[in-house]
N, C-alpha and C. Protein backbone atom coordinates (compact mmCIF):
# COMPACT_ATOMS: atom_id res chain seq x y z
N MET A 1 -28.21 15.02 43.24
CA MET A 1 -27.17 15.65 42.43
C MET A 1 -27.00 14.86 41.15
N SER A 2 -26.97 15.54 40.02
CA SER A 2 -26.84 14.84 38.75
C SER A 2 -25.39 14.40 38.54
N GLN A 3 -25.26 13.34 37.78
CA GLN A 3 -23.94 12.78 37.52
C GLN A 3 -23.23 13.57 36.42
N ASP A 4 -21.94 13.74 36.59
CA ASP A 4 -21.13 14.41 35.57
C ASP A 4 -21.28 13.65 34.25
N PRO A 5 -21.69 14.34 33.17
CA PRO A 5 -21.91 13.63 31.91
C PRO A 5 -20.64 13.02 31.33
N TRP A 6 -19.47 13.44 31.81
CA TRP A 6 -18.22 12.88 31.30
C TRP A 6 -17.58 11.91 32.27
N ASP A 7 -18.30 11.54 33.31
CA ASP A 7 -17.81 10.55 34.24
C ASP A 7 -17.77 9.20 33.52
N ASN A 8 -16.67 8.48 33.64
CA ASN A 8 -16.55 7.18 32.97
C ASN A 8 -17.63 6.20 33.42
N LEU A 9 -18.21 6.42 34.58
CA LEU A 9 -19.24 5.52 35.08
C LEU A 9 -20.63 5.93 34.63
N ALA A 10 -20.76 7.13 34.09
CA ALA A 10 -22.07 7.60 33.63
C ALA A 10 -22.48 6.81 32.39
N PRO A 11 -23.76 6.47 32.30
CA PRO A 11 -24.20 5.77 31.09
C PRO A 11 -24.06 6.68 29.87
N ARG A 12 -23.72 6.11 28.74
CA ARG A 12 -23.54 6.88 27.51
C ARG A 12 -24.91 7.21 26.95
N ASP A 13 -25.14 8.47 26.65
CA ASP A 13 -26.42 8.92 26.11
C ASP A 13 -26.58 8.40 24.69
N PRO A 14 -27.59 7.58 24.43
CA PRO A 14 -27.73 6.97 23.10
C PRO A 14 -28.09 7.97 22.00
N ARG A 15 -28.53 9.17 22.36
CA ARG A 15 -28.89 10.15 21.33
C ARG A 15 -27.70 10.56 20.48
N TYR A 16 -26.50 10.36 20.99
CA TYR A 16 -25.30 10.78 20.26
C TYR A 16 -24.70 9.66 19.41
N GLN A 17 -25.29 8.49 19.44
CA GLN A 17 -24.77 7.35 18.69
C GLN A 17 -25.27 7.35 17.26
N ASN A 18 -24.40 7.13 16.32
CA ASN A 18 -24.75 6.91 14.90
C ASN A 18 -25.64 7.99 14.31
N GLU A 19 -25.34 9.23 14.61
CA GLU A 19 -26.14 10.33 14.05
C GLU A 19 -25.72 10.61 12.61
N PRO A 20 -26.68 10.86 11.73
CA PRO A 20 -26.32 11.24 10.36
C PRO A 20 -25.88 12.70 10.32
N GLN A 21 -25.15 13.04 9.29
CA GLN A 21 -24.75 14.43 9.07
C GLN A 21 -26.00 15.26 8.80
N PRO A 22 -26.12 16.44 9.41
CA PRO A 22 -27.29 17.29 9.15
C PRO A 22 -27.32 17.78 7.70
N ALA A 23 -28.48 18.21 7.27
CA ALA A 23 -28.62 18.78 5.93
C ALA A 23 -27.79 20.06 5.84
N VAL A 24 -27.26 20.33 4.67
CA VAL A 24 -26.43 21.52 4.46
C VAL A 24 -27.19 22.78 4.86
N SER A 25 -28.46 22.86 4.52
CA SER A 25 -29.25 24.05 4.86
C SER A 25 -29.33 24.27 6.37
N SER A 26 -29.33 23.21 7.15
CA SER A 26 -29.38 23.33 8.61
C SER A 26 -28.07 23.88 9.17
N MET A 27 -26.97 23.58 8.51
CA MET A 27 -25.66 24.01 9.00
C MET A 27 -25.47 25.52 8.94
N GLU A 28 -26.27 26.18 8.12
CA GLU A 28 -26.11 27.62 7.94
C GLU A 28 -26.77 28.43 9.05
N ASN A 29 -27.62 27.80 9.84
CA ASN A 29 -28.33 28.51 10.90
C ASN A 29 -28.26 27.70 12.19
N ALA A 30 -27.55 28.24 13.17
CA ALA A 30 -27.36 27.52 14.43
C ALA A 30 -28.67 27.24 15.14
N CYS A 31 -29.64 28.14 15.02
CA CYS A 31 -30.95 27.90 15.66
C CYS A 31 -31.64 26.70 15.04
N VAL A 32 -31.62 26.63 13.73
CA VAL A 32 -32.23 25.48 13.04
C VAL A 32 -31.51 24.20 13.43
N LEU A 33 -30.20 24.25 13.41
CA LEU A 33 -29.39 23.08 13.73
C LEU A 33 -29.73 22.55 15.13
N LEU A 34 -29.77 23.45 16.11
CA LEU A 34 -30.02 23.02 17.49
C LEU A 34 -31.49 22.72 17.75
N SER A 35 -32.39 23.32 16.98
CA SER A 35 -33.80 22.96 17.16
C SER A 35 -34.05 21.55 16.63
N GLN A 36 -33.28 21.14 15.63
CA GLN A 36 -33.41 19.78 15.10
C GLN A 36 -32.71 18.76 15.99
N ARG A 37 -31.72 19.22 16.74
CA ARG A 37 -30.94 18.33 17.61
C ARG A 37 -30.73 19.00 18.96
N PRO A 38 -31.79 19.07 19.76
CA PRO A 38 -31.68 19.77 21.05
C PRO A 38 -30.65 19.15 21.99
N HIS A 39 -30.37 17.88 21.84
CA HIS A 39 -29.34 17.27 22.68
C HIS A 39 -27.95 17.85 22.38
N TRP A 40 -27.76 18.40 21.18
CA TRP A 40 -26.50 19.08 20.89
C TRP A 40 -26.37 20.33 21.76
N ALA A 41 -27.48 21.03 21.98
CA ALA A 41 -27.45 22.21 22.85
C ALA A 41 -27.04 21.80 24.27
N GLU A 42 -27.51 20.65 24.72
CA GLU A 42 -27.13 20.16 26.05
C GLU A 42 -25.62 19.92 26.13
N ALA A 43 -25.06 19.30 25.09
CA ALA A 43 -23.61 19.04 25.08
C ALA A 43 -22.83 20.35 25.02
N LEU A 44 -23.31 21.30 24.23
CA LEU A 44 -22.65 22.61 24.15
C LEU A 44 -22.72 23.35 25.48
N ASP A 45 -23.86 23.26 26.17
CA ASP A 45 -23.99 23.88 27.49
C ASP A 45 -22.99 23.27 28.47
N ALA A 46 -22.90 21.94 28.47
CA ALA A 46 -21.97 21.26 29.37
C ALA A 46 -20.53 21.67 29.08
N THR A 47 -20.20 21.81 27.81
CA THR A 47 -18.85 22.23 27.43
C THR A 47 -18.59 23.67 27.84
N ARG A 48 -19.60 24.52 27.69
CA ARG A 48 -19.43 25.92 28.10
C ARG A 48 -19.19 26.00 29.61
N ILE A 49 -19.92 25.22 30.38
CA ILE A 49 -19.76 25.23 31.83
C ILE A 49 -18.39 24.68 32.22
N ARG A 50 -18.00 23.57 31.62
CA ARG A 50 -16.74 22.93 31.99
C ARG A 50 -15.52 23.70 31.48
N TRP A 51 -15.55 24.15 30.24
CA TRP A 51 -14.35 24.71 29.61
C TRP A 51 -14.44 26.21 29.33
N HIS A 52 -15.56 26.84 29.58
CA HIS A 52 -15.74 28.29 29.40
C HIS A 52 -15.55 28.73 27.95
N ILE A 53 -15.90 27.88 27.03
CA ILE A 53 -15.83 28.21 25.61
C ILE A 53 -17.25 28.32 25.08
N GLU A 54 -17.49 29.31 24.27
CA GLU A 54 -18.85 29.60 23.82
C GLU A 54 -19.32 28.62 22.74
N PRO A 55 -20.60 28.29 22.77
CA PRO A 55 -21.15 27.33 21.81
C PRO A 55 -20.94 27.73 20.35
N TRP A 56 -21.05 29.02 20.06
CA TRP A 56 -20.90 29.44 18.66
C TRP A 56 -19.48 29.20 18.16
N GLN A 57 -18.50 29.32 19.04
CA GLN A 57 -17.12 29.05 18.63
C GLN A 57 -16.93 27.56 18.36
N VAL A 58 -17.44 26.72 19.23
CA VAL A 58 -17.34 25.27 19.03
C VAL A 58 -18.02 24.87 17.73
N LEU A 59 -19.22 25.39 17.49
CA LEU A 59 -19.95 25.06 16.26
C LEU A 59 -19.19 25.55 15.03
N ALA A 60 -18.59 26.72 15.10
CA ALA A 60 -17.84 27.25 13.95
C ALA A 60 -16.62 26.38 13.64
N PHE A 61 -15.92 25.92 14.68
CA PHE A 61 -14.79 25.02 14.47
C PHE A 61 -15.28 23.74 13.79
N MET A 62 -16.35 23.19 14.32
CA MET A 62 -16.85 21.92 13.80
C MET A 62 -17.36 22.07 12.37
N HIS A 63 -18.00 23.19 12.08
CA HIS A 63 -18.46 23.44 10.71
C HIS A 63 -17.26 23.43 9.76
N GLN A 64 -16.20 24.12 10.12
CA GLN A 64 -15.02 24.19 9.26
C GLN A 64 -14.33 22.83 9.15
N GLU A 65 -14.21 22.14 10.25
CA GLU A 65 -13.44 20.91 10.26
C GLU A 65 -14.14 19.74 9.57
N SER A 66 -15.42 19.56 9.81
CA SER A 66 -16.09 18.34 9.30
C SER A 66 -17.45 18.57 8.67
N ARG A 67 -17.93 19.80 8.70
CA ARG A 67 -19.31 20.08 8.27
C ARG A 67 -20.28 19.16 9.04
N PHE A 68 -19.96 18.94 10.31
CA PHE A 68 -20.80 18.15 11.22
C PHE A 68 -20.97 16.70 10.75
N ASN A 69 -19.97 16.19 10.05
CA ASN A 69 -19.99 14.80 9.60
C ASN A 69 -19.25 13.95 10.64
N PRO A 70 -19.95 13.06 11.33
CA PRO A 70 -19.30 12.30 12.41
C PRO A 70 -18.23 11.32 11.93
N THR A 71 -18.24 10.98 10.65
CA THR A 71 -17.25 10.03 10.14
C THR A 71 -16.32 10.66 9.10
N ALA A 72 -16.21 11.98 9.11
CA ALA A 72 -15.32 12.66 8.17
C ALA A 72 -13.88 12.20 8.41
N MET A 73 -13.14 11.99 7.32
CA MET A 73 -11.74 11.59 7.40
C MET A 73 -10.94 12.45 6.43
N SER A 74 -9.92 13.10 6.95
CA SER A 74 -9.08 13.95 6.10
C SER A 74 -7.92 13.14 5.54
N THR A 75 -7.22 13.72 4.59
CA THR A 75 -6.05 13.06 4.03
C THR A 75 -4.94 12.91 5.07
N SER A 76 -4.98 13.74 6.12
CA SER A 76 -3.98 13.65 7.19
C SER A 76 -4.39 12.66 8.28
N GLN A 77 -5.49 11.94 8.04
CA GLN A 77 -6.01 10.94 8.97
C GLN A 77 -6.69 11.55 10.20
N ALA A 78 -7.01 12.84 10.15
CA ALA A 78 -7.85 13.43 11.19
C ALA A 78 -9.26 12.88 10.98
N TYR A 79 -9.98 12.63 12.07
CA TYR A 79 -11.23 11.89 11.96
C TYR A 79 -12.32 12.47 12.86
N GLY A 80 -13.55 12.30 12.42
CA GLY A 80 -14.71 12.60 13.24
C GLY A 80 -15.18 14.04 13.16
N TYR A 81 -16.16 14.33 14.00
CA TYR A 81 -16.73 15.68 14.05
C TYR A 81 -15.65 16.75 14.19
N ALA A 82 -14.71 16.52 15.11
CA ALA A 82 -13.71 17.53 15.45
C ALA A 82 -12.42 17.39 14.63
N GLN A 83 -12.35 16.38 13.75
CA GLN A 83 -11.17 16.14 12.91
C GLN A 83 -9.90 16.08 13.76
N VAL A 84 -9.85 15.07 14.61
CA VAL A 84 -8.73 14.89 15.52
C VAL A 84 -7.90 13.70 15.07
N LYS A 85 -6.59 13.89 15.04
CA LYS A 85 -5.68 12.79 14.71
C LYS A 85 -5.58 11.85 15.91
N GLN A 86 -5.29 10.59 15.64
CA GLN A 86 -5.27 9.57 16.68
C GLN A 86 -4.33 9.90 17.84
N PRO A 87 -3.09 10.33 17.61
CA PRO A 87 -2.22 10.63 18.77
C PRO A 87 -2.78 11.75 19.66
N THR A 88 -3.39 12.75 19.05
CA THR A 88 -3.98 13.84 19.83
C THR A 88 -5.18 13.35 20.61
N TRP A 89 -5.99 12.48 20.00
CA TRP A 89 -7.15 11.91 20.68
C TRP A 89 -6.70 11.06 21.87
N GLU A 90 -5.64 10.30 21.68
CA GLU A 90 -5.13 9.46 22.77
C GLU A 90 -4.59 10.32 23.91
N TRP A 91 -3.97 11.45 23.58
CA TRP A 91 -3.49 12.39 24.60
C TRP A 91 -4.68 12.92 25.40
N TYR A 92 -5.73 13.32 24.69
CA TYR A 92 -6.96 13.78 25.34
C TYR A 92 -7.54 12.70 26.25
N GLN A 93 -7.64 11.48 25.75
CA GLN A 93 -8.18 10.38 26.56
C GLN A 93 -7.36 10.19 27.83
N MET A 94 -6.05 10.22 27.70
CA MET A 94 -5.18 10.02 28.85
C MET A 94 -5.32 11.17 29.85
N LYS A 95 -5.24 12.40 29.36
CA LYS A 95 -5.30 13.56 30.25
C LYS A 95 -6.66 13.71 30.92
N ARG A 96 -7.71 13.35 30.21
CA ARG A 96 -9.06 13.48 30.76
C ARG A 96 -9.51 12.22 31.49
N GLY A 97 -8.76 11.14 31.36
CA GLY A 97 -9.15 9.88 31.99
C GLY A 97 -10.45 9.34 31.41
N ARG A 98 -10.60 9.51 30.11
CA ARG A 98 -11.86 9.13 29.43
C ARG A 98 -11.55 8.16 28.29
N GLN A 99 -11.53 6.90 28.59
CA GLN A 99 -11.22 5.90 27.57
C GLN A 99 -12.43 5.54 26.71
N ASN A 100 -13.61 5.79 27.20
CA ASN A 100 -14.84 5.36 26.49
C ASN A 100 -15.42 6.46 25.61
N VAL A 101 -14.58 7.29 25.02
CA VAL A 101 -15.04 8.39 24.18
C VAL A 101 -14.81 8.06 22.70
N SER A 102 -15.57 8.76 21.86
CA SER A 102 -15.50 8.50 20.42
C SER A 102 -15.49 9.81 19.64
N ARG A 103 -14.67 9.86 18.62
CA ARG A 103 -14.63 11.04 17.76
C ARG A 103 -15.90 11.15 16.91
N GLU A 104 -16.70 10.09 16.89
CA GLU A 104 -17.95 10.08 16.13
C GLU A 104 -19.14 10.57 16.94
N ARG A 105 -18.92 10.91 18.19
CA ARG A 105 -20.01 11.38 19.05
C ARG A 105 -19.89 12.89 19.24
N PHE A 106 -20.98 13.60 19.00
CA PHE A 106 -20.98 15.06 19.12
C PHE A 106 -20.59 15.49 20.53
N ASP A 107 -21.14 14.84 21.55
CA ASP A 107 -20.84 15.25 22.93
C ASP A 107 -19.36 15.10 23.25
N ASP A 108 -18.74 14.04 22.79
CA ASP A 108 -17.31 13.85 23.03
C ASP A 108 -16.48 14.84 22.22
N ALA A 109 -16.90 15.10 21.00
CA ALA A 109 -16.16 16.02 20.13
C ALA A 109 -16.18 17.44 20.68
N VAL A 110 -17.32 17.90 21.18
CA VAL A 110 -17.36 19.27 21.72
C VAL A 110 -16.57 19.38 23.01
N ASP A 111 -16.55 18.31 23.81
CA ASP A 111 -15.71 18.32 25.00
C ASP A 111 -14.24 18.41 24.59
N PHE A 112 -13.86 17.66 23.57
CA PHE A 112 -12.48 17.73 23.08
C PHE A 112 -12.12 19.15 22.65
N ILE A 113 -12.98 19.78 21.87
CA ILE A 113 -12.69 21.14 21.39
C ILE A 113 -12.50 22.10 22.57
N GLY A 114 -13.36 22.01 23.57
CA GLY A 114 -13.22 22.85 24.75
C GLY A 114 -11.93 22.58 25.50
N TRP A 115 -11.62 21.30 25.68
CA TRP A 115 -10.39 20.92 26.36
C TRP A 115 -9.17 21.42 25.61
N TYR A 116 -9.16 21.22 24.30
CA TYR A 116 -8.00 21.61 23.48
C TYR A 116 -7.81 23.13 23.50
N ALA A 117 -8.89 23.88 23.42
CA ALA A 117 -8.79 25.34 23.49
C ALA A 117 -8.16 25.76 24.82
N ASN A 118 -8.52 25.07 25.89
CA ASN A 118 -7.93 25.39 27.19
C ASN A 118 -6.46 25.02 27.25
N GLN A 119 -6.06 23.96 26.56
CA GLN A 119 -4.64 23.62 26.47
C GLN A 119 -3.87 24.74 25.76
N ASN A 120 -4.52 25.36 24.78
CA ASN A 120 -3.90 26.48 24.06
C ASN A 120 -3.77 27.71 24.96
N VAL A 121 -4.74 27.92 25.83
CA VAL A 121 -4.64 29.02 26.80
C VAL A 121 -3.42 28.77 27.70
N ILE A 122 -3.31 27.54 28.20
CA ILE A 122 -2.22 27.20 29.12
C ILE A 122 -0.86 27.31 28.43
N ARG A 123 -0.74 26.73 27.25
CA ARG A 123 0.58 26.67 26.59
C ARG A 123 0.96 27.97 25.89
N ASN A 124 0.00 28.56 25.19
CA ASN A 124 0.33 29.70 24.33
C ASN A 124 -0.29 31.02 24.78
N GLY A 125 -1.10 31.00 25.83
CA GLY A 125 -1.68 32.23 26.34
C GLY A 125 -2.75 32.85 25.46
N VAL A 126 -3.35 32.05 24.58
CA VAL A 126 -4.37 32.57 23.67
C VAL A 126 -5.72 32.60 24.39
N ASP A 127 -6.33 33.76 24.44
CA ASP A 127 -7.63 33.93 25.09
C ASP A 127 -8.67 33.01 24.45
N LEU A 128 -9.53 32.45 25.27
CA LEU A 128 -10.58 31.56 24.74
C LEU A 128 -11.47 32.25 23.72
N ASN A 129 -11.68 33.55 23.87
CA ASN A 129 -12.56 34.27 22.95
C ASN A 129 -11.87 34.75 21.68
N ASP A 130 -10.59 34.48 21.54
CA ASP A 130 -9.84 34.86 20.34
C ASP A 130 -10.02 33.74 19.31
N VAL A 131 -11.13 33.80 18.59
CA VAL A 131 -11.51 32.71 17.70
C VAL A 131 -10.44 32.46 16.64
N ARG A 132 -9.92 33.50 16.04
CA ARG A 132 -8.93 33.33 14.96
C ARG A 132 -7.70 32.56 15.45
N ASN A 133 -7.11 33.02 16.53
CA ASN A 133 -5.89 32.38 17.02
C ASN A 133 -6.17 31.02 17.66
N GLN A 134 -7.32 30.87 18.27
CA GLN A 134 -7.68 29.54 18.77
C GLN A 134 -7.81 28.56 17.60
N TYR A 135 -8.42 29.02 16.50
CA TYR A 135 -8.55 28.12 15.35
C TYR A 135 -7.18 27.81 14.73
N LEU A 136 -6.32 28.81 14.62
CA LEU A 136 -4.99 28.56 14.08
C LEU A 136 -4.25 27.51 14.90
N ALA A 137 -4.35 27.59 16.22
CA ALA A 137 -3.71 26.59 17.09
C ALA A 137 -4.39 25.23 16.94
N TYR A 138 -5.70 25.24 16.76
CA TYR A 138 -6.43 23.99 16.58
C TYR A 138 -5.96 23.30 15.30
N HIS A 139 -5.81 24.07 14.25
CA HIS A 139 -5.41 23.51 12.95
C HIS A 139 -3.94 23.09 12.94
N GLU A 140 -3.08 23.92 13.47
CA GLU A 140 -1.64 23.69 13.38
C GLU A 140 -1.08 22.86 14.53
N GLY A 141 -1.87 22.69 15.58
CA GLY A 141 -1.36 22.05 16.78
C GLY A 141 -0.76 23.10 17.70
N LEU A 142 -0.68 22.77 18.97
CA LEU A 142 -0.18 23.74 19.94
C LEU A 142 1.26 24.15 19.65
N GLY A 143 2.11 23.18 19.30
CA GLY A 143 3.50 23.49 18.97
C GLY A 143 3.62 24.26 17.66
N GLY A 144 2.81 23.88 16.68
CA GLY A 144 2.82 24.60 15.41
C GLY A 144 2.42 26.05 15.59
N PHE A 145 1.42 26.27 16.44
CA PHE A 145 1.02 27.65 16.72
C PHE A 145 2.15 28.39 17.42
N GLU A 146 2.74 27.74 18.40
CA GLU A 146 3.84 28.35 19.15
C GLU A 146 4.99 28.73 18.20
N ASN A 147 5.25 27.89 17.21
CA ASN A 147 6.31 28.15 16.23
C ASN A 147 5.85 29.06 15.10
N ARG A 148 4.58 29.43 15.12
CA ARG A 148 3.98 30.35 14.15
C ARG A 148 4.02 29.80 12.72
N SER A 149 3.81 28.50 12.59
CA SER A 149 3.83 27.85 11.28
C SER A 149 2.76 28.40 10.35
N PHE A 150 1.70 28.94 10.92
CA PHE A 150 0.60 29.48 10.12
C PHE A 150 1.01 30.70 9.29
N LEU A 151 2.07 31.38 9.69
CA LEU A 151 2.50 32.57 8.95
C LEU A 151 2.93 32.24 7.52
N ALA A 152 3.34 31.00 7.29
CA ALA A 152 3.73 30.57 5.94
C ALA A 152 2.54 30.03 5.15
N LYS A 153 1.34 30.17 5.70
CA LYS A 153 0.14 29.63 5.07
C LYS A 153 -0.94 30.70 4.97
N PRO A 154 -0.84 31.58 3.98
CA PRO A 154 -1.85 32.64 3.86
C PRO A 154 -3.26 32.09 3.69
N TRP A 155 -3.41 30.94 3.06
CA TRP A 155 -4.72 30.32 2.89
C TRP A 155 -5.34 29.98 4.25
N LEU A 156 -4.49 29.58 5.21
CA LEU A 156 -5.00 29.24 6.54
C LEU A 156 -5.43 30.49 7.30
N MET A 157 -4.74 31.58 7.08
CA MET A 157 -5.14 32.84 7.70
C MET A 157 -6.53 33.24 7.19
N THR A 158 -6.78 33.03 5.90
CA THR A 158 -8.10 33.31 5.33
C THR A 158 -9.16 32.41 5.95
N ILE A 159 -8.83 31.14 6.12
CA ILE A 159 -9.79 30.21 6.73
C ILE A 159 -10.07 30.61 8.18
N SER A 160 -9.04 31.01 8.92
CA SER A 160 -9.28 31.39 10.32
C SER A 160 -10.19 32.61 10.40
N ASP A 161 -10.07 33.51 9.42
CA ASP A 161 -11.00 34.65 9.36
C ASP A 161 -12.43 34.17 9.09
N LYS A 162 -12.58 33.20 8.21
CA LYS A 162 -13.91 32.65 7.90
C LYS A 162 -14.50 31.96 9.12
N VAL A 163 -13.68 31.25 9.88
CA VAL A 163 -14.17 30.60 11.10
C VAL A 163 -14.63 31.66 12.10
N ALA A 164 -13.86 32.72 12.25
CA ALA A 164 -14.26 33.80 13.16
C ALA A 164 -15.56 34.45 12.69
N ASP A 165 -15.70 34.65 11.39
CA ASP A 165 -16.94 35.22 10.85
C ASP A 165 -18.12 34.29 11.10
N ARG A 166 -17.92 32.99 10.92
CA ARG A 166 -19.01 32.04 11.16
C ARG A 166 -19.37 32.01 12.64
N ALA A 167 -18.38 32.10 13.51
CA ALA A 167 -18.66 32.14 14.95
C ALA A 167 -19.51 33.36 15.28
N ALA A 168 -19.20 34.50 14.69
CA ALA A 168 -19.99 35.72 14.92
C ALA A 168 -21.41 35.55 14.38
N LEU A 169 -21.54 34.92 13.23
CA LEU A 169 -22.86 34.66 12.66
C LEU A 169 -23.67 33.73 13.57
N TYR A 170 -23.06 32.64 14.00
CA TYR A 170 -23.74 31.70 14.90
C TYR A 170 -24.11 32.40 16.22
N GLN A 171 -23.23 33.25 16.72
CA GLN A 171 -23.52 33.98 17.95
C GLN A 171 -24.76 34.84 17.78
N ALA A 172 -24.82 35.60 16.70
CA ALA A 172 -25.99 36.45 16.46
C ALA A 172 -27.25 35.61 16.30
N GLN A 173 -27.15 34.50 15.60
CA GLN A 173 -28.32 33.64 15.42
C GLN A 173 -28.80 33.07 16.75
N LEU A 174 -27.88 32.61 17.57
CA LEU A 174 -28.26 32.01 18.85
C LEU A 174 -28.80 33.04 19.83
N ARG A 175 -28.29 34.25 19.77
CA ARG A 175 -28.81 35.30 20.66
C ARG A 175 -30.23 35.69 20.30
N ASP A 176 -30.59 35.57 19.03
CA ASP A 176 -31.93 35.92 18.56
C ASP A 176 -32.81 34.69 18.36
N CYS A 177 -32.36 33.56 18.80
CA CYS A 177 -33.05 32.29 18.55
C CYS A 177 -34.38 32.23 19.29
N PRO A 178 -35.45 31.94 18.58
CA PRO A 178 -36.75 31.88 19.24
C PRO A 178 -36.93 30.66 20.14
N VAL A 179 -36.03 29.70 20.03
CA VAL A 179 -36.18 28.47 20.80
C VAL A 179 -35.93 28.69 22.28
N GLY A 180 -35.16 29.71 22.63
CA GLY A 180 -35.01 30.06 24.03
C GLY A 180 -33.67 29.73 24.66
N TRP A 181 -32.63 29.50 23.88
CA TRP A 181 -31.33 29.30 24.50
C TRP A 181 -30.82 30.63 25.00
N SER A 182 -30.13 30.60 26.10
CA SER A 182 -29.67 31.85 26.71
C SER A 182 -28.19 32.08 26.44
N TYR A 183 -27.83 32.08 25.18
CA TYR A 183 -26.43 32.32 24.84
C TYR A 183 -26.25 33.78 24.67
């Protein structure tokens, strides 16, 4: 039986350490991106199995948040691939019992996105496949979404539409991908 990749006792996969940001041209096509980094497909598969969130949605969130830059830092101090603020990351670490995780690792970042989306299902009842509202909750926080803070931000509504469009694009690309992923 294989070991759970998120078990604290499992060895950390070195392929996810110190990865450079992919070329901009690679970010536009999910097949190209994953053919260049097949271990990312493994992490996305594990996240889909654990959290029931589709790879194209995770990739679309990450594209919007950091453009796949593992060391991206926003003015709000959100950091890493998934652009997570420190208190939220610490909440994730505590709830998941995973102290040895890093916002700079793709595998940890995609697990976070899946976990957080599931927290939104639990707290706000937002379906996992509702990309727009999942993204709004991701951006605003679970409480911000609950309070509907996004309604005062028309620019954010536009961005959530773009994230949903990118998720649909990535979905179509992955379904037609010659590499053989079964998304």
